[in-house]
Structures are given as structure tokens and as C-alpha cells.
PDB file of N, CA and C in Angstrom:
ATOM      1  N   UNK A   1     -35.599  77.655 112.033  1.00  0.00           N
ATOM      2  CA  UNK A   1     -36.437  76.989 111.077  1.00  0.00           C
ATOM      3  C   UNK A   1     -36.936  77.973 110.029  1.00  0.00           C
ATOM      4  N   UNK A   2     -36.958  79.241 110.372  1.00  0.00           N
ATOM      5  CA  UNK A   2     -37.399  80.255 109.413  1.00  0.00           C
ATOM      6  C   UNK A   2     -36.461  80.282 108.217  1.00  0.00           C
ATOM      7  N   UNK A   3     -35.171  80.096 108.467  1.00  0.00           N
ATOM      8  CA  UNK A   3     -34.203  80.066 107.377  1.00  0.00           C
ATOM      9  C   UNK A   3     -34.509  78.967 106.379  1.00  0.00           C
ATOM     10  N   UNK A   4     -34.941  77.809 106.864  1.00  0.00           N
ATOM     11  CA  UNK A   4     -35.289  76.702 105.981  1.00  0.00           C
ATOM     12  C   UNK A   4     -36.507  77.062 105.139  1.00  0.00           C
ATOM     13  N   UNK A   5     -37.475  77.728 105.743  1.00  0.00           N
ATOM     14  CA  UNK A   5     -38.665  78.150 105.000  1.00  0.00           C
ATOM     15  C   UNK A   5     -38.276  79.122 103.893  1.00  0.00           C
ATOM     16  N   UNK A   6     -37.406  80.058 104.208  1.00  0.00           N
ATOM     17  CA  UNK A   6     -36.966  81.039 103.220  1.00  0.00           C
ATOM     18  C   UNK A   6     -36.181  80.354 102.110  1.00  0.00           C
ATOM     19  N   UNK A   7     -35.260  79.465 102.481  1.00  0.00           N
ATOM     20  CA  UNK A   7     -34.437  78.767 101.481  1.00  0.00           C
ATOM     21  C   UNK A   7     -35.294  77.924 100.555  1.00  0.00           C
ATOM     22  N   UNK A   8     -36.314  77.279 101.084  1.00  0.00           N
ATOM     23  CA  UNK A   8     -37.188  76.463 100.235  1.00  0.00           C
ATOM     24  C   UNK A   8     -37.873  77.305  99.163  1.00  0.00           C
ATOM     25  N   UNK A   9     -38.060  78.586  99.442  1.00  0.00           N
ATOM     26  CA  UNK A   9     -38.716  79.466  98.490  1.00  0.00           C
ATOM     27  C   UNK A   9     -37.787  80.041  97.431  1.00  0.00           C
ATOM     28  N   UNK A  10     -36.500  79.755  97.501  1.00  0.00           N
ATOM     29  CA  UNK A  10     -35.554  80.278  96.521  1.00  0.00           C
ATOM     30  C   UNK A  10     -35.402  79.314  95.358  1.00  0.00           C
ATOM     31  N   UNK A  11     -34.756  79.786  94.311  1.00  0.00           N
ATOM     32  CA  UNK A  11     -34.555  78.979  93.114  1.00  0.00           C
ATOM     33  C   UNK A  11     -33.816  77.674  93.418  1.00  0.00           C
ATOM     34  N   UNK A  12     -32.777  77.738  94.251  1.00  0.00           N
ATOM     35  CA  UNK A  12     -31.986  76.548  94.583  1.00  0.00           C
ATOM     36  C   UNK A  12     -32.570  75.739  95.731  1.00  0.00           C
ATOM     37  N   UNK A  13     -33.522  76.286  96.457  1.00  0.00           N
ATOM     38  CA  UNK A  13     -34.102  75.584  97.593  1.00  0.00           C
ATOM     39  C   UNK A  13     -33.058  75.291  98.649  1.00  0.00           C
ATOM     40  N   UNK A  14     -33.275  74.242  99.414  1.00  0.00           N
ATOM     41  CA  UNK A  14     -32.324  73.881 100.470  1.00  0.00           C
ATOM     42  C   UNK A  14     -30.982  73.435  99.902  1.00  0.00           C
ATOM     43  N   UNK A  15     -30.974  73.006  98.628  1.00  0.00           N
ATOM     44  CA  UNK A  15     -29.710  72.595  98.010  1.00  0.00           C
ATOM     45  C   UNK A  15     -28.731  73.761  97.954  1.00  0.00           C
ATOM     46  N   UNK A  16     -29.240  74.980  97.860  1.00  0.00           N
ATOM     47  CA  UNK A  16     -28.384  76.154  97.831  1.00  0.00           C
ATOM     48  C   UNK A  16     -27.979  76.638  99.208  1.00  0.00           C
ATOM     49  N   UNK A  17     -28.562  76.075 100.228  1.00  0.00           N
ATOM     50  CA  UNK A  17     -28.264  76.470 101.606  1.00  0.00           C
ATOM     51  C   UNK A  17     -28.214  75.225 102.490  1.00  0.00           C
ATOM     52  N   UNK A  18     -27.394  74.280 102.093  1.00  0.00           N
ATOM     53  CA  UNK A  18     -27.307  72.995 102.789  1.00  0.00           C
ATOM     54  C   UNK A  18     -26.939  73.154 104.257  1.00  0.00           C
ATOM     55  N   UNK A  19     -26.288  74.236 104.598  1.00  0.00           N
ATOM     56  CA  UNK A  19     -25.900  74.457 105.989  1.00  0.00           C
ATOM     57  C   UNK A  19     -27.118  74.570 106.903  1.00  0.00           C
ATOM     58  N   UNK A  20     -28.261  74.975 106.366  1.00  0.00           N
ATOM     59  CA  UNK A  20     -29.441  75.162 107.218  1.00  0.00           C
ATOM     60  C   UNK A  20     -29.931  73.837 107.795  1.00  0.00           C
ATOM     61  N   UNK A  21     -30.297  72.833 106.949  1.00  0.00           N
ATOM     62  CA  UNK A  21     -30.796  71.601 107.562  1.00  0.00           C
ATOM     63  C   UNK A  21     -29.736  70.839 108.346  1.00  0.00           C
ATOM     64  N   UNK A  22     -28.468  70.910 107.896  1.00  0.00           N
ATOM     65  CA  UNK A  22     -27.437  70.199 108.659  1.00  0.00           C
ATOM     66  C   UNK A  22     -27.216  70.860 110.013  1.00  0.00           C
ATOM     67  N   UNK A  23     -27.276  72.188 110.067  1.00  0.00           N
ATOM     68  CA  UNK A  23     -27.139  72.879 111.351  1.00  0.00           C
ATOM     69  C   UNK A  23     -28.320  72.597 112.270  1.00  0.00           C
ATOM     70  N   UNK A  24     -29.514  72.607 111.704  1.00  0.00           N
ATOM     71  CA  UNK A  24     -30.699  72.317 112.517  1.00  0.00           C
ATOM     72  C   UNK A  24     -30.664  70.883 113.037  1.00  0.00           C
ATOM     73  N   UNK A  25     -30.232  69.958 112.201  1.00  0.00           N
ATOM     74  CA  UNK A  25     -30.130  68.567 112.644  1.00  0.00           C
ATOM     75  C   UNK A  25     -29.117  68.437 113.767  1.00  0.00           C
ATOM     76  N   UNK A  26     -27.986  69.116 113.639  1.00  0.00           N
ATOM     77  CA  UNK A  26     -26.962  69.070 114.673  1.00  0.00           C
ATOM     78  C   UNK A  26     -27.424  69.695 115.975  1.00  0.00           C
ATOM     79  N   UNK A  27     -28.176  70.783 115.886  1.00  0.00           N
ATOM     80  CA  UNK A  27     -28.680  71.449 117.085  1.00  0.00           C
ATOM     81  C   UNK A  27     -29.648  70.571 117.842  1.00  0.00           C
ATOM     82  N   UNK A  28     -30.487  69.892 117.134  1.00  0.00           N
ATOM     83  CA  UNK A  28     -31.437  68.979 117.768  1.00  0.00           C
ATOM     84  C   UNK A  28     -30.665  67.826 118.402  1.00  0.00           C
ATOM     85  N   UNK A  29     -29.586  67.404 117.761  1.00  0.00           N
ATOM     86  CA  UNK A  29     -28.807  66.270 118.251  1.00  0.00           C
ATOM     87  C   UNK A  29     -28.208  66.549 119.619  1.00  0.00           C
ATOM     88  N   UNK A  30     -27.816  67.775 119.831  1.00  0.00           N
ATOM     89  CA  UNK A  30     -27.202  68.092 121.119  1.00  0.00           C
ATOM     90  C   UNK A  30     -28.196  67.962 122.258  1.00  0.00           C
ATOM     91  N   UNK A  31     -29.469  68.109 121.947  1.00  0.00           N
ATOM     92  CA  UNK A  31     -30.491  68.000 122.992  1.00  0.00           C
ATOM     93  C   UNK A  31     -30.980  66.563 123.148  1.00  0.00           C
ATOM     94  N   UNK A  32     -31.357  65.930 122.057  1.00  0.00           N
ATOM     95  CA  UNK A  32     -31.933  64.585 122.152  1.00  0.00           C
ATOM     96  C   UNK A  32     -32.056  63.978 120.757  1.00  0.00           C
ATOM     97  N   UNK A  33     -31.861  62.660 120.677  1.00  0.00           N
ATOM     98  CA  UNK A  33     -32.129  61.957 119.430  1.00  0.00           C
ATOM     99  C   UNK A  33     -33.647  61.914 119.284  1.00  0.00           C
ATOM    100  N   UNK A  34     -34.147  62.415 118.204  1.00  0.00           N
ATOM    101  CA  UNK A  34     -35.591  62.514 118.075  1.00  0.00           C
ATOM    102  C   UNK A  34     -36.031  62.478 116.631  1.00  0.00           C
ATOM    103  N   UNK A  35     -37.325  62.447 116.470  1.00  0.00           N
ATOM    104  CA  UNK A  35     -37.895  62.502 115.128  1.00  0.00           C
ATOM    105  C   UNK A  35     -37.534  63.804 114.443  1.00  0.00           C
ATOM    106  N   UNK A  36     -37.407  64.868 115.199  1.00  0.00           N
ATOM    107  CA  UNK A  36     -37.029  66.159 114.611  1.00  0.00           C
ATOM    108  C   UNK A  36     -35.644  66.071 113.980  1.00  0.00           C
ATOM    109  N   UNK A  37     -34.704  65.436 114.671  1.00  0.00           N
ATOM    110  CA  UNK A  37     -33.365  65.310 114.093  1.00  0.00           C
ATOM    111  C   UNK A  37     -33.413  64.455 112.840  1.00  0.00           C
ATOM    112  N   UNK A  38     -34.190  63.383 112.879  1.00  0.00           N
ATOM    113  CA  UNK A  38     -34.333  62.550 111.688  1.00  0.00           C
ATOM    114  C   UNK A  38     -34.902  63.362 110.530  1.00  0.00           C
ATOM    115  N   UNK A  39     -35.913  64.154 110.820  1.00  0.00           N
ATOM    116  CA  UNK A  39     -36.551  64.941 109.765  1.00  0.00           C
ATOM    117  C   UNK A  39     -35.580  65.953 109.163  1.00  0.00           C
ATOM    118  N   UNK A  40     -34.788  66.642 109.995  1.00  0.00           N
ATOM    119  CA  UNK A  40     -33.840  67.619 109.467  1.00  0.00           C
ATOM    120  C   UNK A  40     -32.698  66.935 108.735  1.00  0.00           C
ATOM    121  N   UNK A  41     -32.308  65.758 109.198  1.00  0.00           N
ATOM    122  CA  UNK A  41     -31.260  65.034 108.488  1.00  0.00           C
ATOM    123  C   UNK A  41     -31.795  64.560 107.142  1.00  0.00           C
ATOM    124  N   UNK A  42     -33.057  64.141 107.096  1.00  0.00           N
ATOM    125  CA  UNK A  42     -33.683  63.770 105.826  1.00  0.00           C
ATOM    126  C   UNK A  42     -33.694  64.966 104.873  1.00  0.00           C
ATOM    127  N   UNK A  43     -34.015  66.146 105.387  1.00  0.00           N
ATOM    128  CA  UNK A  43     -33.997  67.355 104.557  1.00  0.00           C
ATOM    129  C   UNK A  43     -32.587  67.628 104.038  1.00  0.00           C
ATOM    130  N   UNK A  44     -31.583  67.385 104.874  1.00  0.00           N
ATOM    131  CA  UNK A  44     -30.192  67.581 104.453  1.00  0.00           C
ATOM    132  C   UNK A  44     -29.811  66.585 103.368  1.00  0.00           C
ATOM    133  N   UNK A  45     -30.266  65.336 103.489  1.00  0.00           N
ATOM    134  CA  UNK A  45     -30.005  64.318 102.467  1.00  0.00           C
ATOM    135  C   UNK A  45     -30.594  64.775 101.136  1.00  0.00           C
ATOM    136  N   UNK A  46     -31.841  65.205 101.164  1.00  0.00           N
ATOM    137  CA  UNK A  46     -32.512  65.624  99.936  1.00  0.00           C
ATOM    138  C   UNK A  46     -31.843  66.844  99.322  1.00  0.00           C
ATOM    139  N   UNK A  47     -31.460  67.806 100.152  1.00  0.00           N
ATOM    140  CA  UNK A  47     -30.799  69.007  99.651  1.00  0.00           C
ATOM    141  C   UNK A  47     -29.426  68.679  99.081  1.00  0.00           C
ATOM    142  N   UNK A  48     -28.699  67.818  99.753  1.00  0.00           N
ATOM    143  CA  UNK A  48     -27.382  67.418  99.278  1.00  0.00           C
ATOM    144  C   UNK A  48     -27.497  66.677  97.950  1.00  0.00           C
ATOM    145  N   UNK A  49     -28.479  65.806  97.853  1.00  0.00           N
ATOM    146  CA  UNK A  49     -28.709  65.070  96.609  1.00  0.00           C
ATOM    147  C   UNK A  49     -29.049  66.045  95.474  1.00  0.00           C
ATOM    148  N   UNK A  50     -29.889  67.026  95.758  1.00  0.00           N
ATOM    149  CA  UNK A  50     -30.268  68.012  94.751  1.00  0.00           C
ATOM    150  C   UNK A  50     -29.076  68.858  94.310  1.00  0.00           C
ATOM    151  N   UNK A  51     -28.109  69.036  95.209  1.00  0.00           N
ATOM    152  CA  UNK A  51     -26.929  69.838  94.868  1.00  0.00           C
ATOM    153  C   UNK A  51     -25.907  69.025  94.075  1.00  0.00           C
ATOM    154  N   UNK A  52     -26.102  67.706  94.005  1.00  0.00           N
ATOM    155  CA  UNK A  52     -25.178  66.859  93.261  1.00  0.00           C
ATOM    156  C   UNK A  52     -23.951  66.435  94.039  1.00  0.00           C
ATOM    157  N   UNK A  53     -23.962  66.617  95.338  1.00  0.00           N
ATOM    158  CA  UNK A  53     -22.814  66.258  96.183  1.00  0.00           C
ATOM    159  C   UNK A  53     -22.972  64.812  96.651  1.00  0.00           C
ATOM    160  N   UNK A  54     -22.606  63.871  95.793  1.00  0.00           N
ATOM    161  CA  UNK A  54     -22.806  62.448  96.076  1.00  0.00           C
ATOM    162  C   UNK A  54     -22.114  61.968  97.354  1.00  0.00           C
ATOM    163  N   UNK A  55     -20.841  62.332  97.599  1.00  0.00           N
ATOM    164  CA  UNK A  55     -20.200  61.871  98.836  1.00  0.00           C
ATOM    165  C   UNK A  55     -20.917  62.381 100.092  1.00  0.00           C
ATOM    166  N   UNK A  56     -21.346  63.632 100.059  1.00  0.00           N
ATOM    167  CA  UNK A  56     -22.043  64.199 101.220  1.00  0.00           C
ATOM    168  C   UNK A  56     -23.409  63.533 101.379  1.00  0.00           C
ATOM    169  N   UNK A  57     -24.089  63.292 100.254  1.00  0.00           N
ATOM    170  CA  UNK A  57     -25.390  62.630 100.295  1.00  0.00           C
ATOM    171  C   UNK A  57     -25.254  61.241 100.902  1.00  0.00           C
ATOM    172  N   UNK A  58     -24.224  60.517 100.506  1.00  0.00           N
ATOM    173  CA  UNK A  58     -24.008  59.173 101.044  1.00  0.00           C
ATOM    174  C   UNK A  58     -23.744  59.225 102.545  1.00  0.00           C
ATOM    175  N   UNK A  59     -22.905  60.148 102.974  1.00  0.00           N
ATOM    176  CA  UNK A  59     -22.591  60.269 104.401  1.00  0.00           C
ATOM    177  C   UNK A  59     -23.837  60.646 105.207  1.00  0.00           C
ATOM    178  N   UNK A  60     -24.611  61.595 104.699  1.00  0.00           N
ATOM    179  CA  UNK A  60     -25.832  61.994 105.399  1.00  0.00           C
ATOM    180  C   UNK A  60     -26.863  60.873 105.417  1.00  0.00           C
ATOM    181  N   UNK A  61     -26.937  60.096 104.341  1.00  0.00           N
ATOM    182  CA  UNK A  61     -27.872  58.967 104.294  1.00  0.00           C
ATOM    183  C   UNK A  61     -27.521  57.914 105.336  1.00  0.00           C
ATOM    184  N   UNK A  62     -26.237  57.660 105.493  1.00  0.00           N
ATOM    185  CA  UNK A  62     -25.791  56.706 106.510  1.00  0.00           C
ATOM    186  C   UNK A  62     -26.109  57.230 107.909  1.00  0.00           C
ATOM    187  N   UNK A  63     -25.900  58.525 108.108  1.00  0.00           N
ATOM    188  CA  UNK A  63     -26.210  59.136 109.400  1.00  0.00           C
ATOM    189  C   UNK A  63     -27.710  59.029 109.685  1.00  0.00           C
ATOM    190  N   UNK A  64     -28.525  59.274 108.665  1.00  0.00           N
ATOM    191  CA  UNK A  64     -29.973  59.188 108.828  1.00  0.00           C
ATOM    192  C   UNK A  64     -30.397  57.772 109.186  1.00  0.00           C
ATOM    193  N   UNK A  65     -29.837  56.782 108.519  1.00  0.00           N
ATOM    194  CA  UNK A  65     -30.180  55.395 108.822  1.00  0.00           C
ATOM    195  C   UNK A  65     -29.841  55.056 110.269  1.00  0.00           C
ATOM    196  N   UNK A  66     -28.689  55.515 110.732  1.00  0.00           N
ATOM    197  CA  UNK A  66     -28.292  55.245 112.119  1.00  0.00           C
ATOM    198  C   UNK A  66     -29.216  55.960 113.100  1.00  0.00           C
ATOM    199  N   UNK A  67     -29.563  57.204 112.813  1.00  0.00           N
ATOM    200  CA  UNK A  67     -30.464  57.957 113.689  1.00  0.00           C
ATOM    201  C   UNK A  67     -31.847  57.318 113.748  1.00  0.00           C
ATOM    202  N   UNK A  68     -32.351  56.935 112.599  1.00  0.00           N
ATOM    203  CA  UNK A  68     -33.707  56.385 112.524  1.00  0.00           C
ATOM    204  C   UNK A  68     -33.822  55.078 113.302  1.00  0.00           C
ATOM    205  N   UNK A  69     -32.721  54.357 113.415  1.00  0.00           N
ATOM    206  CA  UNK A  69     -32.741  53.073 114.110  1.00  0.00           C
ATOM    207  C   UNK A  69     -32.639  53.212 115.628  1.00  0.00           C
ATOM    208  N   UNK A  70     -32.286  54.393 116.119  1.00  0.00           N
ATOM    209  CA  UNK A  70     -32.118  54.588 117.553  1.00  0.00           C
ATOM    210  C   UNK A  70     -33.456  54.870 118.233  1.00  0.00           C
ATOM    211  N   UNK A  71     -33.521  54.644 119.542  1.00  0.00           N
ATOM    212  CA  UNK A  71     -34.737  54.984 120.276  1.00  0.00           C
ATOM    213  C   UNK A  71     -35.085  56.457 120.078  1.00  0.00           C
ATOM    214  N   UNK A  72     -36.325  56.730 119.799  1.00  0.00           N
ATOM    215  CA  UNK A  72     -36.756  58.094 119.541  1.00  0.00           C
ATOM    216  C   UNK A  72     -36.639  58.484 118.090  1.00  0.00           C
ATOM    217  N   UNK A  73     -35.978  57.643 117.302  1.00  0.00           N
ATOM    218  CA  UNK A  73     -35.850  57.908 115.874  1.00  0.00           C
ATOM    219  C   UNK A  73     -37.120  57.517 115.142  1.00  0.00           C
ATOM    220  N   UNK A  74     -37.106  57.704 113.857  1.00  0.00           N
ATOM    221  CA  UNK A  74     -38.273  57.400 113.037  1.00  0.00           C
ATOM    222  C   UNK A  74     -37.852  56.479 111.901  1.00  0.00           C
ATOM    223  N   UNK A  75     -38.036  55.166 112.068  1.00  0.00           N
ATOM    224  CA  UNK A  75     -37.614  54.217 111.034  1.00  0.00           C
ATOM    225  C   UNK A  75     -38.211  54.505 109.659  1.00  0.00           C
ATOM    226  N   UNK A  76     -39.361  55.163 109.619  1.00  0.00           N
ATOM    227  CA  UNK A  76     -39.987  55.485 108.342  1.00  0.00           C
ATOM    228  C   UNK A  76     -39.154  56.494 107.550  1.00  0.00           C
ATOM    229  N   UNK A  77     -38.292  57.248 108.230  1.00  0.00           N
ATOM    230  CA  UNK A  77     -37.473  58.248 107.549  1.00  0.00           C
ATOM    231  C   UNK A  77     -36.144  57.679 107.053  1.00  0.00           C
ATOM    232  N   UNK A  78     -35.834  56.458 107.421  1.00  0.00           N
ATOM    233  CA  UNK A  78     -34.585  55.859 106.965  1.00  0.00           C
ATOM    234  C   UNK A  78     -34.634  55.692 105.455  1.00  0.00           C
ATOM    235  N   UNK A  79     -33.545  56.024 104.774  1.00  0.00           N
ATOM    236  CA  UNK A  79     -33.558  55.868 103.323  1.00  0.00           C
ATOM    237  C   UNK A  79     -33.681  54.397 102.943  1.00  0.00           C
ATOM    238  N   UNK A  80     -34.368  54.154 101.846  1.00  0.00           N
ATOM    239  CA  UNK A  80     -34.549  52.780 101.359  1.00  0.00           C
ATOM    240  C   UNK A  80     -33.209  52.177 100.965  1.00  0.00           C
ATOM    241  N   UNK A  81     -32.324  53.013 100.479  1.00  0.00           N
ATOM    242  CA  UNK A  81     -30.987  52.558 100.113  1.00  0.00           C
ATOM    243  C   UNK A  81     -30.031  53.719 100.289  1.00  0.00           C
ATOM    244  N   UNK A  82     -28.784  53.392 100.397  1.00  0.00           N
ATOM    245  CA  UNK A  82     -27.759  54.431 100.466  1.00  0.00           C
ATOM    246  C   UNK A  82     -27.325  54.737  99.047  1.00  0.00           C
ATOM    247  N   UNK A  83     -27.265  56.018  98.658  1.00  0.00           N
ATOM    248  CA  UNK A  83     -26.838  56.355  97.294  1.00  0.00           C
ATOM    249  C   UNK A  83     -25.477  55.770  96.974  1.00  0.00           C
ATOM    250  N   UNK A  84     -25.281  55.369  95.727  1.00  0.00           N
ATOM    251  CA  UNK A  84     -24.012  54.776  95.305  1.00  0.00           C
ATOM    252  C   UNK A  84     -22.983  55.835  95.011  1.00  0.00           C
TER     253      UNK A  84
END
């Protein structure tokens, strides 16, 4: 998580280090579906969107919606819409 803090402080933010939130989300996934995974996937969606990677943003948004709907997920973190 320290890497995410450092990346947020850079000019590009997490968009310049998209591997950080996606890796953290994946690591949490191996242990349990949880609010933490939803939160890191949300961070990955935002970073991907900021980087301009529309296909990746769409895929991550769909993943977030599916995670948020599962037990232990956080429906409040589900995106309002999937990017076009």
C-alpha cells in the first residue's frame, strides 16, 4: 500500500503506475472478496480512466460491478455506469 501512497504523490498519480492498484486488488482477491478489493479495484478504474485507457477502464468497471454485488462487497463502490 505504500507504493500507492507514493504513486499518488507523483505527477501522474496512480494513472502512471496502474499496476499498483490492480496488483493490490488481485492480492486481496486471493484471500477473500471484500470491501478492500472493491476499493482497490475502484482505484484501478480511476487510474485507468485518468490514463485514457478506455478498454481497460471498461473491463475494470465491469469487474468492480461484479465484485461489489458479491457478499462482502460494497455496492456503494459500484460504478454508476460502465464507460462507453
